Amino acid sequence: MSALLTVAVAVFGERIAAVRDWAFDSRVQYLLLWQRPGEDRGGWPDNVTVLPLDTVGVTHSRNAAIDHCATPWLWFMDDDVALPATSIDVLLAELPQRLENEILIASVLLPDGRAMKRQPDGLRYNRRHILTVGTIQIIAQSDWLRRHAVRFPLRLGAGAIYPVCDEPVFLARALRAGARISHLDRVTVVHPELRSGQQFARPEFVRARAIAFYEIFGVPLCLIASLYFWARHARRIGARWPALFHYGKAG
């Protein structure tokens, strides 16, 4: 039986050594998008493909995954997470029944088992809900993404000039193309705990929100979104607040 799912892992430089310790599930295809590659020692399982990339920026890896995925479904992943075997079990059972959804959103757990991001099962996502989704939660129909030319923004995301907010822009583009996005609570991924203070550390982090709000909501709603975000986080944003109103294209 052909595989239903590709897990596409964004890997940078020497971090590929950590991925070698993964327990690769034989029922799933894996695509390692390796930026700043070194020498590949080989020895990967037959269901693992390593694709060296000469680009920098995680959204380049995500878009390469869309272009090279050879299975009906694609799950975007990072090299610092863990995929419970039970999540693969549930997902492979659910995917044939979820064809009405172009995109599914998984839940995120912390290493101690606490939920970091969780929504009610079956929640239908809109522009407001997508603001808190991380890339490792996104499971999409690969052919649908290609047919509708839905791609990640190249100016946003880790390694880009504006290091955050690539996920909601990607999902906003999918919504505009007609995607039906639903939550699948029983599928989880384990992520290390985040240090929230980093998200306001530099003006680029703050301006990323402005760029995302502009693409997601358009004018004038992007201004309202910026004002609301500023009201909630004014102390941490501090003197960087003008960047929150510096709109532009996401690329």
Protein backbone atom coordinates (compact mmCIF):
# COMPACT_ATOMS: atom_id res chain seq x y z
CA MET A 1 0.00 0.00 0.00
CA SER A 2 1.31 3.45 -0.89
CA ALA A 3 2.06 5.81 1.96
CA LEU A 4 -0.56 8.43 2.82
CA LEU A 5 1.71 10.80 4.68
CA THR A 6 5.06 12.55 4.38
CA VAL A 7 6.63 14.12 7.45
CA ALA A 8 8.76 16.98 6.11
CA VAL A 9 11.46 17.96 8.59
CA ALA A 10 13.27 21.30 8.31
CA VAL A 11 16.91 20.66 9.30
CA PHE A 12 19.77 23.14 9.55
CA GLY A 13 23.47 22.27 9.39
CA GLU A 14 24.81 19.89 12.01
CA ARG A 15 21.37 19.47 13.60
CA ILE A 16 20.81 16.59 11.20
CA ALA A 17 22.75 14.45 13.70
CA ALA A 18 19.83 14.69 16.14
CA VAL A 19 17.36 13.55 13.50
CA ARG A 20 19.32 10.30 13.09
CA ASP A 21 18.03 9.27 16.51
CA TRP A 22 14.40 9.51 15.47
CA ALA A 23 12.24 6.39 15.46
CA PHE A 24 11.16 6.53 11.82
CA ASP A 25 7.76 4.92 11.33
CA SER A 26 7.83 2.50 8.39
CA ARG A 27 4.26 3.45 7.38
CA VAL A 28 5.27 7.07 6.71
CA GLN A 29 7.59 8.79 4.25
CA TYR A 30 10.11 11.29 5.65
CA LEU A 31 11.60 14.19 3.73
CA LEU A 32 14.56 15.95 5.38
CA LEU A 33 14.97 19.47 3.98
CA TRP A 34 18.62 20.08 4.89
CA GLN A 35 19.84 23.68 4.74
CA ARG A 36 23.57 24.40 5.01
CA PRO A 37 24.24 20.69 4.43
CA GLY A 38 27.48 18.94 5.24
CA GLU A 39 28.56 15.48 4.17
CA ASP A 40 25.73 12.98 4.36
CA ARG A 41 26.96 9.72 5.91
CA GLY A 42 24.01 7.82 4.46
CA GLY A 43 22.53 4.84 6.23
CA TRP A 44 19.04 6.31 6.39
CA PRO A 45 16.00 3.97 6.29
CA ASP A 46 14.43 3.40 2.88
CA ASN A 47 11.49 5.68 3.70
CA VAL A 48 13.75 8.69 4.45
CA THR A 49 14.83 11.08 1.69
CA VAL A 50 17.45 13.76 2.34
CA LEU A 51 17.11 16.86 0.16
CA PRO A 52 20.07 19.30 0.48
CA LEU A 53 19.10 22.96 -0.01
CA ASP A 54 21.33 25.95 -0.70
CA THR A 55 18.79 28.35 0.82
CA VAL A 56 18.53 29.87 4.31
CA GLY A 57 15.23 30.38 6.09
CA VAL A 58 12.73 27.80 7.23
CA THR A 59 10.02 28.91 4.81
CA HIS A 60 12.27 27.94 1.89
CA SER A 61 12.32 24.44 3.41
CA ARG A 62 8.53 24.38 3.81
CA ASN A 63 7.98 25.39 0.19
CA ALA A 64 10.49 22.80 -1.02
CA ALA A 65 8.54 20.20 0.96
CA ILE A 66 5.35 21.17 -0.87
CA ASP A 67 7.10 20.90 -4.24
CA HIS A 68 8.71 17.50 -3.52
CA CYS A 69 6.02 15.72 -1.48
CA ALA A 70 4.94 12.52 -3.24
CA THR A 71 2.16 11.47 -0.84
CA PRO A 72 -1.41 12.82 -0.54
CA TRP A 73 -0.77 14.39 2.89
CA LEU A 74 2.12 16.46 4.18
CA TRP A 75 2.99 17.24 7.83
CA PHE A 76 5.45 20.10 8.35
CA MET A 77 7.94 19.36 11.12
CA ASP A 78 11.03 20.77 12.84
CA ASP A 79 14.14 18.94 14.01
CA ASP A 80 13.66 19.74 17.72
CA VAL A 81 10.31 18.02 18.27
CA ALA A 82 9.08 14.53 19.08
CA LEU A 83 6.27 12.69 17.31
CA PRO A 84 4.47 10.18 19.56
CA ALA A 85 3.78 6.87 17.81
CA THR A 86 0.15 7.15 18.91
CA SER A 87 -0.20 10.35 16.86
CA ILE A 88 0.85 8.52 13.70
CA ASP A 89 -1.62 5.72 14.54
CA VAL A 90 -4.50 8.15 14.94
CA LEU A 91 -3.57 10.26 11.93
CA LEU A 92 -3.27 7.35 9.50
CA ALA A 93 -6.69 6.13 10.62
CA GLU A 94 -8.25 9.58 10.30
CA LEU A 95 -6.81 10.84 7.02
CA PRO A 96 -9.00 8.73 4.69
CA GLN A 97 -12.05 10.13 6.50
CA ARG A 98 -10.90 13.76 6.39
CA LEU A 99 -10.86 14.46 2.67
CA GLU A 100 -13.32 17.33 3.20
CA ASN A 101 -10.53 19.14 5.04
CA GLU A 102 -7.67 20.50 2.97
CA ILE A 103 -5.74 21.25 6.18
CA LEU A 104 -5.79 19.68 9.64
CA ILE A 105 -4.29 21.22 12.77
CA ALA A 106 -2.69 19.04 15.46
CA SER A 107 -2.22 19.88 19.15
CA VAL A 108 1.12 20.72 20.80
CA LEU A 109 2.26 19.25 24.11
CA LEU A 110 5.17 20.25 26.33
CA PRO A 111 7.66 17.54 27.34
CA ASP A 112 5.88 17.14 30.72
CA GLY A 113 2.60 16.36 28.95
CA ARG A 114 0.90 19.72 29.45
CA ALA A 115 -0.95 21.18 26.48
CA MET A 116 0.81 24.22 25.01
CA LYS A 117 -1.66 24.77 22.19
CA ARG A 118 -5.00 22.99 22.14
CA GLN A 119 -8.38 23.69 20.62
CA PRO A 120 -11.66 21.72 20.66
CA ASP A 121 -11.65 18.75 18.31
CA GLY A 122 -13.31 19.61 15.02
CA LEU A 123 -12.95 23.38 15.45
CA ARG A 124 -13.30 25.13 12.08
CA TYR A 125 -10.50 27.68 11.77
CA ASN A 126 -11.01 31.26 10.62
CA ARG A 127 -8.65 34.25 10.36
CA ARG A 128 -8.72 34.80 14.11
CA HIS A 129 -7.93 31.21 15.07
CA ILE A 130 -4.90 30.90 12.79
CA LEU A 131 -2.93 33.54 14.68
CA THR A 132 -1.78 31.02 17.30
CA VAL A 133 -0.98 28.03 15.05
CA GLY A 134 2.62 26.77 14.76
CA THR A 135 3.98 25.15 11.62
CA ILE A 136 4.49 21.77 13.32
CA GLN A 137 0.73 21.61 13.79
CA ILE A 138 -0.07 21.87 10.07
CA ILE A 139 -1.05 18.74 8.11
CA ALA A 140 -2.15 19.52 4.55
CA GLN A 141 -3.18 17.90 1.29
CA SER A 142 -0.05 18.40 -0.79
CA ASP A 143 -1.66 18.33 -4.23
CA TRP A 144 -4.24 20.92 -3.14
CA LEU A 145 -1.44 23.26 -2.01
CA ARG A 146 0.31 22.91 -5.36
CA ARG A 147 -2.85 23.36 -7.43
CA HIS A 148 -3.77 26.55 -5.56
CA ALA A 149 -0.17 27.84 -5.37
CA VAL A 150 -0.36 28.20 -1.59
CA ARG A 151 3.14 28.78 -0.25
CA PHE A 152 4.88 30.10 2.86
CA PRO A 153 6.02 33.76 2.84
CA LEU A 154 9.76 34.12 2.29
CA ARG A 155 10.21 37.34 4.30
CA LEU A 156 8.82 35.76 7.49
CA GLY A 157 9.89 32.83 9.68
CA ALA A 158 13.06 31.56 11.35
CA GLY A 159 16.15 32.52 9.37
CA ALA A 160 14.36 35.33 7.49
CA ILE A 161 14.64 39.05 8.15
CA TYR A 162 11.37 38.93 10.12
CA PRO A 163 11.69 35.75 12.21
CA VAL A 164 8.07 34.90 13.13
CA CYS A 165 4.48 34.80 11.85
CA ASP A 166 5.01 32.73 8.70
CA GLU A 167 2.37 30.21 9.83
CA PRO A 168 -0.70 32.48 10.05
CA VAL A 169 0.17 34.09 6.72
CA PHE A 170 0.41 30.66 5.09
CA LEU A 171 -2.94 29.64 6.59
CA ALA A 172 -4.54 32.94 5.58
CA ARG A 173 -3.47 32.26 1.99
CA ALA A 174 -4.99 28.80 2.25
CA LEU A 175 -8.27 30.22 3.59
CA ARG A 176 -8.43 32.69 0.70
CA ALA A 177 -7.96 29.77 -1.70
CA GLY A 178 -10.96 28.03 -0.13
CA ALA A 179 -9.29 25.67 2.34
CA ARG A 180 -11.39 24.08 5.05
CA ILE A 181 -9.20 23.92 8.14
CA SER A 182 -10.19 21.83 11.16
CA HIS A 183 -8.62 20.81 14.44
CA LEU A 184 -7.67 17.19 15.16
CA ASP A 185 -7.08 17.17 18.90
CA ARG A 186 -6.00 13.54 19.30
CA VAL A 187 -2.97 14.07 17.08
CA THR A 188 -0.19 15.68 19.12
CA VAL A 189 3.40 16.75 18.71
CA VAL A 190 5.81 17.41 21.60
CA HIS A 191 7.76 20.68 21.50
CA PRO A 192 10.31 22.14 23.95
CA GLU A 193 8.95 24.98 26.08
CA LEU A 194 9.31 28.37 24.38
CA ARG A 195 10.87 31.47 25.91
CA SER A 196 8.13 33.98 25.21
CA GLY A 197 10.31 37.04 25.85
CA GLN A 198 12.18 36.44 22.60
CA GLN A 199 9.18 37.35 20.49
CA PHE A 200 9.63 41.06 21.30
CA ALA A 201 13.43 41.10 21.56
CA ARG A 202 14.07 43.13 18.39
CA PRO A 203 12.08 45.45 16.10
CA GLU A 204 12.06 42.72 13.44
CA PHE A 205 9.99 40.49 15.72
CA VAL A 206 7.48 43.28 16.23
CA ARG A 207 7.29 44.30 12.57
CA ALA A 208 6.63 40.68 11.63
CA ARG A 209 3.26 41.10 13.33
CA ALA A 210 2.49 44.19 11.28
CA ILE A 211 3.33 42.38 8.06
CA ALA A 212 1.23 39.38 9.08
CA PHE A 213 -1.74 41.53 10.12
CA TYR A 214 -1.58 43.37 6.78
CA GLU A 215 -1.72 40.14 4.76
CA ILE A 216 -4.26 38.36 6.97
CA PHE A 217 -6.75 41.20 7.54
CA GLY A 218 -5.98 43.86 4.92
CA VAL A 219 -6.74 47.56 5.35
CA PRO A 220 -8.16 48.91 7.67
CA LEU A 221 -8.51 45.83 9.90
CA CYS A 222 -4.73 45.42 10.12
CA LEU A 223 -4.59 48.73 12.01
CA ILE A 224 -7.18 47.49 14.50
CA ALA A 225 -5.22 44.25 14.95
CA SER A 226 -2.02 46.20 15.60
CA LEU A 227 -3.72 48.43 18.16
CA TYR A 228 -5.20 45.41 19.94
CA PHE A 229 -1.83 43.63 19.97
CA TRP A 230 -0.11 46.77 21.28
CA ALA A 231 -2.67 47.13 24.06
CA ARG A 232 -2.04 43.57 25.19
CA HIS A 233 1.76 43.65 25.02
CA ALA A 234 2.72 47.33 25.38
CA ARG A 235 5.12 46.80 28.28
CA ARG A 236 7.13 44.10 26.51
CA ILE A 237 7.09 45.89 23.15
CA GLY A 238 8.30 49.11 24.75
CA ALA A 239 10.02 51.60 22.45
CA ARG A 240 9.75 49.20 19.51
CA TRP A 241 6.04 49.98 19.11
CA PRO A 242 6.36 51.95 15.79
CA ALA A 243 7.37 48.70 14.08
CA LEU A 244 3.92 47.32 14.87
CA PHE A 245 2.43 49.82 12.39
CA HIS A 246 5.09 49.43 9.70
CA TYR A 247 3.15 47.34 7.18
CA GLY A 248 4.50 45.61 4.11
CA LYS A 249 4.31 42.51 1.94
CA ALA A 250 5.16 39.08 3.34
CA GLY A 251 6.86 37.84 0.19
